[in-house]
């Protein structure tokens, strides 16, 4: 998944789908964040950082370590059973990620976090003790409570 081995970012959708602007909703759909409490792991590059910046009012994100990524794949990784290519064999689909010898879907469905997101709720930034925005390494604690 990360060819440059720069690092990975875990992105979790915190807020629901009602009342979201179309451009922001399209960006979250491109990130495979269709519902609340869905997590995706993306490479850390400029393209994904721009998409994350656009949807910042509805998501929380940070750097995920290898141990937590392996736990996510083990506990919440759903096997991809669809086709890898189209009927003619010309177009390859990118709906899955290969981890070891398994093909898993690009997103992980998580539970609500034990003890909640934050003291002030899901409409306030993480820096102000809420749930939204950049968390840094503390995203691993949140994912651990949601798995």
N, C-alpha and C. Protein backbone atom coordinates (compact mmCIF):
# COMPACT_ATOMS: atom_id res chain seq x y z
N UNK A 1 0.82 -1.19 0.00
CA UNK A 1 0.00 0.00 0.00
C UNK A 1 0.86 1.25 0.00
N UNK A 2 1.89 1.32 0.82
CA UNK A 2 2.75 2.49 0.79
C UNK A 2 4.05 2.10 0.10
N UNK A 3 4.19 2.54 -1.16
CA UNK A 3 5.34 2.17 -1.95
C UNK A 3 6.57 2.97 -1.55
N UNK A 4 6.39 4.23 -1.15
CA UNK A 4 7.52 5.06 -0.77
C UNK A 4 7.98 4.78 0.65
N UNK A 5 7.15 4.11 1.45
CA UNK A 5 7.44 3.78 2.84
C UNK A 5 7.68 5.04 3.68
N UNK A 6 6.98 6.13 3.34
CA UNK A 6 7.07 7.38 4.09
C UNK A 6 6.28 7.32 5.38
N UNK A 7 5.26 6.54 5.39
CA UNK A 7 4.38 6.48 6.54
C UNK A 7 2.95 6.34 6.10
N UNK A 8 2.09 6.11 7.06
CA UNK A 8 0.67 5.95 6.77
C UNK A 8 -0.13 6.85 7.68
N UNK A 9 -1.26 7.27 7.16
CA UNK A 9 -2.20 8.06 7.94
C UNK A 9 -3.49 7.28 8.10
N UNK A 10 -4.01 7.26 9.30
CA UNK A 10 -5.32 6.66 9.56
C UNK A 10 -6.33 7.80 9.61
N UNK A 11 -7.42 7.65 8.86
CA UNK A 11 -8.46 8.68 8.79
C UNK A 11 -9.76 8.03 9.22
N UNK A 12 -10.46 8.64 10.18
CA UNK A 12 -11.73 8.11 10.69
C UNK A 12 -12.80 9.17 10.52
N UNK A 13 -13.94 8.76 9.94
CA UNK A 13 -15.07 9.68 9.83
C UNK A 13 -15.80 9.70 11.16
N UNK A 14 -15.96 10.92 11.71
CA UNK A 14 -16.56 11.08 13.03
C UNK A 14 -18.01 11.52 12.93
N UNK A 15 -18.30 12.41 12.00
CA UNK A 15 -19.65 12.95 11.88
C UNK A 15 -20.41 12.26 10.75
N UNK A 16 -21.73 12.33 10.79
CA UNK A 16 -22.60 11.62 9.85
C UNK A 16 -22.69 12.26 8.49
N UNK A 17 -23.68 11.82 7.71
CA UNK A 17 -23.79 12.22 6.31
C UNK A 17 -24.82 13.32 6.07
N UNK A 18 -25.59 13.67 7.08
CA UNK A 18 -26.65 14.65 6.91
C UNK A 18 -26.06 16.06 6.95
N UNK A 19 -26.43 16.88 5.97
CA UNK A 19 -26.04 18.29 5.96
C UNK A 19 -24.62 18.56 5.50
N UNK A 20 -23.98 17.61 4.85
CA UNK A 20 -22.62 17.79 4.38
C UNK A 20 -22.65 18.41 2.99
N UNK A 21 -21.78 19.39 2.72
CA UNK A 21 -21.71 19.98 1.39
C UNK A 21 -21.30 18.92 0.38
N UNK A 22 -21.78 19.08 -0.86
CA UNK A 22 -21.55 18.07 -1.88
C UNK A 22 -20.06 17.88 -2.17
N UNK A 23 -19.30 18.95 -2.22
CA UNK A 23 -17.87 18.82 -2.54
C UNK A 23 -17.12 18.06 -1.44
N UNK A 24 -17.50 18.33 -0.18
CA UNK A 24 -16.86 17.63 0.93
C UNK A 24 -17.29 16.17 0.95
N UNK A 25 -18.56 15.91 0.66
CA UNK A 25 -19.06 14.54 0.61
C UNK A 25 -18.37 13.75 -0.51
N UNK A 26 -18.16 14.38 -1.66
CA UNK A 26 -17.45 13.72 -2.76
C UNK A 26 -16.03 13.38 -2.36
N UNK A 27 -15.37 14.29 -1.65
CA UNK A 27 -14.01 14.04 -1.20
C UNK A 27 -13.97 12.86 -0.23
N UNK A 28 -14.93 12.81 0.69
CA UNK A 28 -14.97 11.69 1.64
C UNK A 28 -15.31 10.38 0.94
N UNK A 29 -16.12 10.43 -0.10
CA UNK A 29 -16.41 9.21 -0.86
C UNK A 29 -15.16 8.73 -1.60
N UNK A 30 -14.34 9.65 -2.10
CA UNK A 30 -13.08 9.25 -2.73
C UNK A 30 -12.13 8.61 -1.73
N UNK A 31 -12.24 9.01 -0.48
CA UNK A 31 -11.42 8.40 0.59
C UNK A 31 -12.04 7.11 1.14
N UNK A 32 -13.19 6.69 0.60
CA UNK A 32 -13.94 5.51 1.05
C UNK A 32 -14.50 5.69 2.46
N UNK A 33 -14.81 6.91 2.85
CA UNK A 33 -15.42 7.18 4.15
C UNK A 33 -16.91 7.43 3.92
N UNK A 34 -17.66 6.35 3.74
CA UNK A 34 -19.07 6.46 3.39
C UNK A 34 -19.97 6.69 4.58
N UNK A 35 -19.60 6.16 5.75
CA UNK A 35 -20.44 6.23 6.94
C UNK A 35 -19.63 6.69 8.13
N UNK A 36 -20.33 6.91 9.24
CA UNK A 36 -19.69 7.22 10.50
C UNK A 36 -18.91 6.01 11.00
N UNK A 37 -17.81 6.27 11.72
CA UNK A 37 -16.98 5.24 12.34
C UNK A 37 -16.35 4.28 11.33
N UNK A 38 -16.01 4.79 10.16
CA UNK A 38 -15.28 4.03 9.17
C UNK A 38 -13.87 4.59 9.11
N UNK A 39 -12.88 3.69 9.07
CA UNK A 39 -11.48 4.09 9.06
C UNK A 39 -10.84 3.64 7.75
N UNK A 40 -9.98 4.49 7.18
CA UNK A 40 -9.15 4.11 6.05
C UNK A 40 -7.71 4.44 6.40
N UNK A 41 -6.79 3.67 5.84
CA UNK A 41 -5.37 3.92 6.02
C UNK A 41 -4.81 4.28 4.66
N UNK A 42 -4.27 5.50 4.55
CA UNK A 42 -3.77 6.01 3.27
C UNK A 42 -2.29 6.36 3.40
N UNK A 43 -1.58 6.40 2.28
CA UNK A 43 -0.18 6.83 2.34
C UNK A 43 -0.07 8.31 2.68
N UNK A 44 1.01 8.67 3.30
CA UNK A 44 1.23 10.06 3.70
C UNK A 44 1.90 10.80 2.55
N UNK A 45 1.07 11.46 1.70
CA UNK A 45 1.60 12.27 0.62
C UNK A 45 0.74 13.51 0.43
N UNK A 46 1.14 14.38 -0.48
CA UNK A 46 0.47 15.67 -0.67
C UNK A 46 -0.97 15.51 -1.12
N UNK A 47 -1.25 14.54 -1.97
CA UNK A 47 -2.60 14.36 -2.51
C UNK A 47 -3.59 14.03 -1.40
N UNK A 48 -3.25 13.05 -0.59
CA UNK A 48 -4.15 12.67 0.50
C UNK A 48 -4.21 13.73 1.58
N UNK A 49 -3.10 14.45 1.83
CA UNK A 49 -3.15 15.53 2.81
C UNK A 49 -4.12 16.63 2.38
N UNK A 50 -4.17 16.92 1.07
CA UNK A 50 -5.12 17.92 0.57
C UNK A 50 -6.56 17.47 0.74
N UNK A 51 -6.82 16.19 0.49
CA UNK A 51 -8.16 15.66 0.66
C UNK A 51 -8.57 15.68 2.13
N UNK A 52 -7.63 15.34 2.99
CA UNK A 52 -7.90 15.35 4.42
C UNK A 52 -8.17 16.78 4.90
N UNK A 53 -7.41 17.73 4.39
CA UNK A 53 -7.59 19.13 4.78
C UNK A 53 -8.98 19.64 4.38
N UNK A 54 -9.47 19.19 3.22
CA UNK A 54 -10.79 19.63 2.76
C UNK A 54 -11.90 19.09 3.66
N UNK A 55 -11.78 17.85 4.11
CA UNK A 55 -12.83 17.21 4.90
C UNK A 55 -12.55 17.30 6.39
N UNK A 56 -11.73 18.24 6.81
CA UNK A 56 -11.24 18.30 8.19
C UNK A 56 -12.35 18.50 9.24
N UNK A 57 -13.47 19.08 8.86
CA UNK A 57 -14.55 19.32 9.81
C UNK A 57 -15.41 18.11 10.10
N UNK A 58 -15.12 16.98 9.46
CA UNK A 58 -15.94 15.78 9.63
C UNK A 58 -15.12 14.56 10.00
N UNK A 59 -13.78 14.68 10.04
CA UNK A 59 -12.92 13.52 10.27
C UNK A 59 -11.89 13.81 11.35
N UNK A 60 -11.27 12.76 11.83
CA UNK A 60 -10.09 12.87 12.68
C UNK A 60 -9.02 12.00 12.06
N UNK A 61 -7.75 12.39 12.21
CA UNK A 61 -6.69 11.67 11.53
C UNK A 61 -5.36 11.82 12.25
N UNK A 62 -4.43 10.91 11.93
CA UNK A 62 -3.10 10.95 12.52
C UNK A 62 -2.24 9.82 11.98
N UNK A 63 -1.00 9.75 12.44
CA UNK A 63 -0.06 8.73 11.98
C UNK A 63 -0.31 7.42 12.73
N UNK A 64 -0.49 6.34 11.97
CA UNK A 64 -0.74 5.03 12.56
C UNK A 64 0.57 4.24 12.55
N UNK A 65 0.80 3.49 13.63
CA UNK A 65 2.01 2.67 13.68
C UNK A 65 1.71 1.27 13.14
N UNK A 66 2.76 0.50 12.90
CA UNK A 66 2.62 -0.82 12.28
C UNK A 66 1.85 -1.80 13.16
N UNK A 67 2.05 -1.73 14.47
CA UNK A 67 1.36 -2.63 15.38
C UNK A 67 -0.15 -2.43 15.32
N UNK A 68 -0.60 -1.18 15.32
CA UNK A 68 -2.04 -0.89 15.27
C UNK A 68 -2.62 -1.25 13.90
N UNK A 69 -1.83 -1.02 12.83
CA UNK A 69 -2.30 -1.39 11.49
C UNK A 69 -2.51 -2.89 11.39
N UNK A 70 -1.58 -3.67 11.94
CA UNK A 70 -1.73 -5.13 11.92
C UNK A 70 -2.93 -5.58 12.73
N UNK A 71 -3.20 -4.90 13.87
CA UNK A 71 -4.38 -5.21 14.68
C UNK A 71 -5.66 -4.91 13.90
N UNK A 72 -5.68 -3.78 13.18
CA UNK A 72 -6.84 -3.43 12.36
C UNK A 72 -7.09 -4.49 11.30
N UNK A 73 -6.05 -4.91 10.61
CA UNK A 73 -6.20 -5.91 9.55
C UNK A 73 -6.67 -7.23 10.13
N UNK A 74 -6.13 -7.61 11.28
CA UNK A 74 -6.48 -8.89 11.90
C UNK A 74 -7.92 -8.90 12.40
N UNK A 75 -8.33 -7.84 13.11
CA UNK A 75 -9.65 -7.84 13.75
C UNK A 75 -10.77 -7.34 12.84
N UNK A 76 -10.50 -6.32 12.03
CA UNK A 76 -11.56 -5.67 11.27
C UNK A 76 -11.39 -5.74 9.75
N UNK A 77 -10.34 -6.41 9.26
CA UNK A 77 -10.13 -6.51 7.83
C UNK A 77 -11.13 -7.46 7.19
N UNK A 78 -11.90 -6.95 6.21
CA UNK A 78 -12.87 -7.79 5.51
C UNK A 78 -12.25 -8.27 4.21
N UNK A 79 -12.42 -9.54 3.93
CA UNK A 79 -11.84 -10.12 2.73
C UNK A 79 -12.54 -9.58 1.49
N UNK A 80 -11.77 -9.22 0.47
CA UNK A 80 -12.32 -8.76 -0.80
C UNK A 80 -12.54 -9.96 -1.70
N UNK A 81 -13.78 -10.15 -2.16
CA UNK A 81 -14.13 -11.32 -2.96
C UNK A 81 -14.47 -10.97 -4.39
N UNK A 82 -14.35 -9.71 -4.77
CA UNK A 82 -14.68 -9.29 -6.12
C UNK A 82 -13.57 -9.57 -7.11
N UNK A 83 -13.74 -9.06 -8.31
CA UNK A 83 -12.76 -9.29 -9.37
C UNK A 83 -11.58 -8.33 -9.23
N UNK A 84 -10.44 -8.77 -9.73
CA UNK A 84 -9.25 -7.93 -9.73
C UNK A 84 -9.17 -7.10 -11.00
N UNK A 85 -9.70 -7.62 -12.10
CA UNK A 85 -9.67 -6.93 -13.39
C UNK A 85 -11.04 -6.99 -14.03
N UNK A 86 -11.23 -6.19 -15.10
CA UNK A 86 -12.49 -6.25 -15.82
C UNK A 86 -12.54 -7.51 -16.68
N UNK A 87 -13.64 -7.70 -17.42
CA UNK A 87 -13.83 -8.92 -18.19
C UNK A 87 -12.74 -9.13 -19.24
N UNK A 88 -12.28 -8.04 -19.84
CA UNK A 88 -11.27 -8.16 -20.89
C UNK A 88 -9.85 -8.23 -20.31
N UNK A 89 -9.70 -7.97 -19.03
CA UNK A 89 -8.39 -8.07 -18.40
C UNK A 89 -7.50 -6.86 -18.60
N UNK A 90 -8.09 -5.74 -19.00
CA UNK A 90 -7.28 -4.55 -19.29
C UNK A 90 -7.22 -3.57 -18.13
N UNK A 91 -8.33 -3.42 -17.39
CA UNK A 91 -8.40 -2.44 -16.31
C UNK A 91 -8.31 -3.16 -14.96
N UNK A 92 -7.33 -2.76 -14.13
CA UNK A 92 -7.22 -3.34 -12.80
C UNK A 92 -7.99 -2.48 -11.81
N UNK A 93 -8.74 -3.13 -10.93
CA UNK A 93 -9.50 -2.41 -9.92
C UNK A 93 -8.63 -2.14 -8.70
N UNK A 94 -8.90 -1.04 -8.03
CA UNK A 94 -8.13 -0.71 -6.82
C UNK A 94 -9.05 -0.67 -5.60
N UNK A 95 -9.95 -1.63 -5.51
CA UNK A 95 -10.89 -1.68 -4.40
C UNK A 95 -10.37 -2.50 -3.23
N UNK A 96 -9.15 -3.01 -3.34
CA UNK A 96 -8.61 -3.84 -2.29
C UNK A 96 -7.13 -3.54 -2.09
N UNK A 97 -6.61 -4.04 -0.98
CA UNK A 97 -5.21 -3.89 -0.63
C UNK A 97 -4.67 -5.29 -0.33
N UNK A 98 -3.49 -5.58 -0.82
CA UNK A 98 -2.87 -6.87 -0.50
C UNK A 98 -2.02 -6.71 0.75
N UNK A 99 -2.36 -7.48 1.77
CA UNK A 99 -1.58 -7.52 3.00
C UNK A 99 -1.13 -8.96 3.18
N UNK A 100 0.14 -9.20 2.97
CA UNK A 100 0.64 -10.56 2.97
C UNK A 100 0.11 -11.28 1.74
N UNK A 101 -0.61 -12.36 1.95
CA UNK A 101 -1.21 -13.08 0.84
C UNK A 101 -2.72 -12.89 0.77
N UNK A 102 -3.27 -12.02 1.64
CA UNK A 102 -4.71 -11.78 1.68
C UNK A 102 -5.05 -10.50 0.93
N UNK A 103 -6.25 -10.47 0.35
CA UNK A 103 -6.80 -9.26 -0.24
C UNK A 103 -7.89 -8.77 0.69
N UNK A 104 -7.75 -7.54 1.19
CA UNK A 104 -8.76 -6.98 2.08
C UNK A 104 -9.31 -5.70 1.48
N UNK A 105 -10.51 -5.32 1.91
CA UNK A 105 -11.12 -4.08 1.46
C UNK A 105 -10.33 -2.89 1.99
N UNK A 106 -10.44 -1.75 1.33
CA UNK A 106 -9.65 -0.57 1.69
C UNK A 106 -10.14 0.13 2.96
N UNK A 107 -11.32 -0.22 3.45
CA UNK A 107 -11.84 0.47 4.63
C UNK A 107 -12.11 -0.54 5.74
N UNK A 108 -12.17 -0.02 6.96
CA UNK A 108 -12.43 -0.84 8.15
C UNK A 108 -13.63 -0.26 8.88
N UNK A 109 -14.63 -1.10 9.15
CA UNK A 109 -15.79 -0.66 9.91
C UNK A 109 -15.48 -0.84 11.39
N UNK A 110 -15.62 0.24 12.16
CA UNK A 110 -15.27 0.21 13.58
C UNK A 110 -16.49 0.45 14.45
N UNK A 111 -16.37 0.14 15.74
CA UNK A 111 -17.40 0.43 16.72
C UNK A 111 -17.25 1.87 17.21
N UNK A 112 -18.23 2.32 17.98
CA UNK A 112 -18.07 3.58 18.68
C UNK A 112 -16.95 3.42 19.70
N UNK A 113 -16.16 4.46 19.97
CA UNK A 113 -15.07 4.30 20.93
C UNK A 113 -15.57 4.16 22.36
N UNK A 114 -14.96 3.24 23.10
CA UNK A 114 -15.27 3.14 24.52
C UNK A 114 -14.84 4.43 25.19
N UNK A 115 -15.64 4.94 26.08
CA UNK A 115 -15.43 6.21 26.80
C UNK A 115 -15.52 7.43 25.89
N UNK A 116 -16.05 7.28 24.69
CA UNK A 116 -16.37 8.42 23.83
C UNK A 116 -15.18 9.00 23.08
N UNK A 117 -15.48 9.98 22.22
CA UNK A 117 -14.47 10.63 21.41
C UNK A 117 -13.68 11.66 22.20
N UNK A 118 -14.38 12.51 22.91
CA UNK A 118 -13.72 13.56 23.66
C UNK A 118 -14.71 14.22 24.59
N UNK A 119 -14.21 15.04 25.45
CA UNK A 119 -15.06 15.63 26.46
C UNK A 119 -16.08 16.60 25.86
N UNK A 120 -15.70 17.34 24.83
CA UNK A 120 -16.58 18.35 24.28
C UNK A 120 -17.41 17.88 23.09
N UNK A 121 -17.21 16.67 22.61
CA UNK A 121 -18.07 16.13 21.56
C UNK A 121 -17.43 16.14 20.19
N UNK A 122 -18.28 15.87 19.16
CA UNK A 122 -17.78 15.64 17.82
C UNK A 122 -17.81 16.88 16.93
N UNK A 123 -18.10 18.04 17.48
CA UNK A 123 -18.12 19.25 16.68
C UNK A 123 -16.98 20.20 17.03
N UNK A 124 -16.12 19.81 17.94
CA UNK A 124 -15.02 20.66 18.42
C UNK A 124 -13.69 20.00 18.03
N UNK A 125 -12.69 20.82 17.78
CA UNK A 125 -11.37 20.33 17.37
C UNK A 125 -10.70 19.55 18.50
N UNK A 126 -9.81 18.63 18.13
CA UNK A 126 -9.10 17.81 19.10
C UNK A 126 -8.20 18.67 19.98
N UNK A 127 -7.66 19.73 19.44
CA UNK A 127 -6.80 20.61 20.24
C UNK A 127 -7.56 21.32 21.35
N UNK A 128 -8.90 21.41 21.20
CA UNK A 128 -9.74 22.03 22.24
C UNK A 128 -10.54 20.97 22.99
N UNK A 129 -9.99 19.75 23.07
CA UNK A 129 -10.56 18.62 23.80
C UNK A 129 -11.81 18.04 23.15
N UNK A 130 -11.95 18.23 21.82
CA UNK A 130 -13.05 17.65 21.07
C UNK A 130 -12.60 16.40 20.34
N UNK A 131 -13.20 16.16 19.16
CA UNK A 131 -12.90 14.93 18.44
C UNK A 131 -12.34 15.15 17.04
N UNK A 132 -12.50 16.33 16.46
CA UNK A 132 -12.16 16.54 15.05
C UNK A 132 -10.71 16.94 14.85
N UNK A 133 -10.21 16.66 13.64
CA UNK A 133 -8.91 17.18 13.22
C UNK A 133 -7.74 16.27 13.51
N UNK A 134 -6.56 16.87 13.52
CA UNK A 134 -5.30 16.13 13.63
C UNK A 134 -5.04 15.68 15.06
N UNK A 135 -4.71 14.39 15.23
CA UNK A 135 -4.44 13.81 16.54
C UNK A 135 -2.99 13.39 16.71
N UNK A 136 -2.25 13.25 15.64
CA UNK A 136 -0.88 12.77 15.75
C UNK A 136 -0.86 11.29 16.10
N UNK A 137 -0.02 10.92 17.06
CA UNK A 137 0.11 9.52 17.47
C UNK A 137 -1.06 9.05 18.33
N UNK A 138 -1.86 9.96 18.83
CA UNK A 138 -2.98 9.57 19.69
C UNK A 138 -4.11 8.90 18.91
N UNK A 139 -4.00 8.88 17.58
CA UNK A 139 -4.99 8.15 16.78
C UNK A 139 -4.93 6.66 17.08
N UNK A 140 -3.74 6.18 17.48
CA UNK A 140 -3.59 4.76 17.81
C UNK A 140 -4.41 4.40 19.05
N UNK A 141 -4.47 5.30 20.04
CA UNK A 141 -5.29 5.06 21.22
C UNK A 141 -6.77 5.00 20.84
N UNK A 142 -7.21 5.91 19.96
CA UNK A 142 -8.60 5.94 19.54
C UNK A 142 -8.96 4.67 18.79
N UNK A 143 -8.11 4.24 17.88
CA UNK A 143 -8.39 3.02 17.10
C UNK A 143 -8.42 1.82 18.03
N UNK A 144 -7.54 1.79 19.02
CA UNK A 144 -7.53 0.70 20.00
C UNK A 144 -8.84 0.62 20.77
N UNK A 145 -9.45 1.78 21.06
CA UNK A 145 -10.72 1.79 21.77
C UNK A 145 -11.89 1.45 20.84
N UNK A 146 -11.71 1.59 19.53
CA UNK A 146 -12.79 1.35 18.57
C UNK A 146 -12.76 -0.07 18.01
N UNK A 147 -11.63 -0.74 18.07
CA UNK A 147 -11.53 -2.11 17.54
C UNK A 147 -12.25 -3.01 18.49
